[in-house]
Amino acid sequence: MREILRTNDPVRLACARHLLTEAGIAHLVLDEHMAAMEGSISAIQRRLMVSAADEEAARAVLAALDEMDARERLNVDRGAGRTNDHDASGE
């Protein structure tokens, strides 16, 4: 088994798992229960594992996830400082 992602971010982990499932790549999450037991101090990261044979394909899938993250950050940055199009009266 090869580690392809280590994170404390449950949303990122869920997205990665979904993308791997959609790509038909078997995967396993390690340290999920230990991370939950330690609470919210983020001392133990969850590890996403795939077989050595699937590592290259899985990394390509995660590259797509990184690209999605970059686009999302760009969209957030573009929206920074915008105000509501409605005036204070709500019209």
C-alpha atoms as a PDB file:
ATOM      1  CA  MET A   1       0.000   0.000   0.000  1.00  0.00           C
ATOM      2  CA  ARG A   2       1.149   3.517  -0.807  1.00  0.00           C
ATOM      3  CA  GLU A   3       0.151   6.730   0.925  1.00  0.00           C
ATOM      4  CA  ILE A   4      -1.178   9.273  -1.540  1.00  0.00           C
ATOM      5  CA  LEU A   5      -2.732  11.804   0.842  1.00  0.00           C
ATOM      6  CA  ARG A   6      -2.278  12.770   4.477  1.00  0.00           C
ATOM      7  CA  THR A   7      -4.687  15.361   5.830  1.00  0.00           C
ATOM      8  CA  ASN A   8      -6.759  16.625   8.737  1.00  0.00           C
ATOM      9  CA  ASP A   9      -9.302  18.142   6.355  1.00  0.00           C
ATOM     10  CA  PRO A  10     -12.368  15.866   6.295  1.00  0.00           C
ATOM     11  CA  VAL A  11     -13.824  17.631   3.245  1.00  0.00           C
ATOM     12  CA  ARG A  12     -10.638  17.189   1.206  1.00  0.00           C
ATOM     13  CA  LEU A  13     -10.462  13.549   2.278  1.00  0.00           C
ATOM     14  CA  ALA A  14     -14.103  12.950   1.311  1.00  0.00           C
ATOM     15  CA  CYS A  15     -13.555  14.569  -2.097  1.00  0.00           C
ATOM     16  CA  ALA A  16     -10.431  12.491  -2.699  1.00  0.00           C
ATOM     17  CA  ARG A  17     -12.241   9.312  -1.707  1.00  0.00           C
ATOM     18  CA  HIS A  18     -15.149  10.147  -3.994  1.00  0.00           C
ATOM     19  CA  LEU A  19     -12.864  10.828  -6.960  1.00  0.00           C
ATOM     20  CA  LEU A  20     -10.964   7.583  -6.386  1.00  0.00           C
ATOM     21  CA  THR A  21     -14.218   5.631  -6.136  1.00  0.00           C
ATOM     22  CA  GLU A  22     -15.493   7.205  -9.352  1.00  0.00           C
ATOM     23  CA  ALA A  23     -12.205   6.259 -11.046  1.00  0.00           C
ATOM     24  CA  GLY A  24     -12.582   2.674  -9.827  1.00  0.00           C
ATOM     25  CA  ILE A  25      -9.467   2.837  -7.647  1.00  0.00           C
ATOM     26  CA  ALA A  26      -9.669   0.811  -4.437  1.00  0.00           C
ATOM     27  CA  HIS A  27      -8.486   2.767  -1.413  1.00  0.00           C
ATOM     28  CA  LEU A  28      -8.231   2.593   2.346  1.00  0.00           C
ATOM     29  CA  VAL A  29      -8.190   5.310   5.005  1.00  0.00           C
ATOM     30  CA  LEU A  30      -5.828   4.706   7.907  1.00  0.00           C
ATOM     31  CA  ASP A  31      -5.866   6.454  11.289  1.00  0.00           C
ATOM     32  CA  GLU A  32      -9.467   7.581  10.834  1.00  0.00           C
ATOM     33  CA  HIS A  33     -10.563   6.295  14.236  1.00  0.00           C
ATOM     34  CA  MET A  34      -7.459   7.561  16.046  1.00  0.00           C
ATOM     35  CA  ALA A  35      -7.934  11.013  14.523  1.00  0.00           C
ATOM     36  CA  ALA A  36     -11.527  11.023  15.787  1.00  0.00           C
ATOM     37  CA  MET A  37     -10.445   9.873  19.249  1.00  0.00           C
ATOM     38  CA  GLU A  38      -7.884  12.631  19.690  1.00  0.00           C
ATOM     39  CA  GLY A  39     -10.538  15.286  19.195  1.00  0.00           C
ATOM     40  CA  SER A  40     -10.095  18.529  17.327  1.00  0.00           C
ATOM     41  CA  ILE A  41      -6.421  19.250  18.041  1.00  0.00           C
ATOM     42  CA  SER A  42      -5.427  17.747  14.659  1.00  0.00           C
ATOM     43  CA  ALA A  43      -2.485  15.836  16.068  1.00  0.00           C
ATOM     44  CA  ILE A  44      -3.144  12.703  14.008  1.00  0.00           C
ATOM     45  CA  GLN A  45      -3.743  13.004  10.292  1.00  0.00           C
ATOM     46  CA  ARG A  46      -5.780  10.554   8.272  1.00  0.00           C
ATOM     47  CA  ARG A  47      -3.865   8.715   5.548  1.00  0.00           C
ATOM     48  CA  LEU A  48      -5.374   7.719   2.214  1.00  0.00           C
ATOM     49  CA  MET A  49      -3.758   4.573   0.839  1.00  0.00           C
ATOM     50  CA  VAL A  50      -3.898   2.766  -2.512  1.00  0.00           C
ATOM     51  CA  SER A  51      -2.152  -0.302  -3.903  1.00  0.00           C
ATOM     52  CA  ALA A  52       1.273   0.192  -5.455  1.00  0.00           C
ATOM     53  CA  ALA A  53      -0.210  -0.785  -8.827  1.00  0.00           C
ATOM     54  CA  ASP A  54      -2.804   2.026  -8.585  1.00  0.00           C
ATOM     55  CA  GLU A  55      -0.473   4.708  -7.233  1.00  0.00           C
ATOM     56  CA  GLU A  56       0.177   6.500 -10.533  1.00  0.00           C
ATOM     57  CA  ALA A  57      -3.511   6.598 -11.491  1.00  0.00           C
ATOM     58  CA  ALA A  58      -4.470   7.719  -7.977  1.00  0.00           C
ATOM     59  CA  ARG A  59      -1.932  10.543  -8.054  1.00  0.00           C
ATOM     60  CA  ALA A  60      -3.402  11.689 -11.377  1.00  0.00           C
ATOM     61  CA  VAL A  61      -6.848  11.765  -9.752  1.00  0.00           C
ATOM     62  CA  LEU A  62      -5.465  13.778  -6.820  1.00  0.00           C
ATOM     63  CA  ALA A  63      -3.847  16.195  -9.265  1.00  0.00           C
ATOM     64  CA  ALA A  64      -7.382  16.924 -10.484  1.00  0.00           C
ATOM     65  CA  LEU A  65      -8.393  17.538  -6.865  1.00  0.00           C
ATOM     66  CA  ASP A  66      -5.504  19.989  -6.456  1.00  0.00           C
ATOM     67  CA  GLU A  67      -6.625  21.757  -9.640  1.00  0.00           C
ATOM     68  CA  MET A  68     -10.175  22.017  -8.279  1.00  0.00           C
ATOM     69  CA  ASP A  69      -8.797  23.478  -5.035  1.00  0.00           C
ATOM     70  CA  ALA A  70      -6.759  26.038  -6.974  1.00  0.00           C
ATOM     71  CA  ARG A  71      -9.799  27.109  -9.012  1.00  0.00           C
ATOM     72  CA  GLU A  72     -11.880  27.423  -5.843  1.00  0.00           C
ATOM     73  CA  ARG A  73      -9.211  29.608  -4.199  1.00  0.00           C
ATOM     74  CA  LEU A  74      -9.120  31.759  -7.344  1.00  0.00           C
ATOM     75  CA  ASN A  75     -12.908  32.150  -7.278  1.00  0.00           C
ATOM     76  CA  VAL A  76     -12.818  33.127  -3.600  1.00  0.00           C
ATOM     77  CA  ASP A  77     -10.036  35.647  -4.256  1.00  0.00           C
ATOM     78  CA  ARG A  78     -11.995  37.163  -7.143  1.00  0.00           C
ATOM     79  CA  GLY A  79     -15.052  37.518  -4.915  1.00  0.00           C
ATOM     80  CA  ALA A  80     -13.134  39.193  -2.088  1.00  0.00           C
ATOM     81  CA  GLY A  81     -14.265  42.722  -1.427  1.00  0.00           C
ATOM     82  CA  ARG A  82     -17.484  42.464  -3.392  1.00  0.00           C
ATOM     83  CA  THR A  83     -20.575  44.010  -1.929  1.00  0.00           C
ATOM     84  CA  ASN A  84     -24.192  43.025  -2.197  1.00  0.00           C
ATOM     85  CA  ASP A  85     -25.846  44.261  -5.395  1.00  0.00           C
ATOM     86  CA  HIS A  86     -28.910  45.353  -3.409  1.00  0.00           C
ATOM     87  CA  ASP A  87     -29.062  48.617  -1.566  1.00  0.00           C
ATOM     88  CA  ALA A  88     -29.658  48.906   2.170  1.00  0.00           C
ATOM     89  CA  SER A  89     -33.432  49.144   1.714  1.00  0.00           C
ATOM     90  CA  GLY A  90     -33.501  45.584   0.361  1.00  0.00           C
ATOM     91  CA  GLU A  91     -34.897  46.594  -3.040  1.00  0.00           C
END
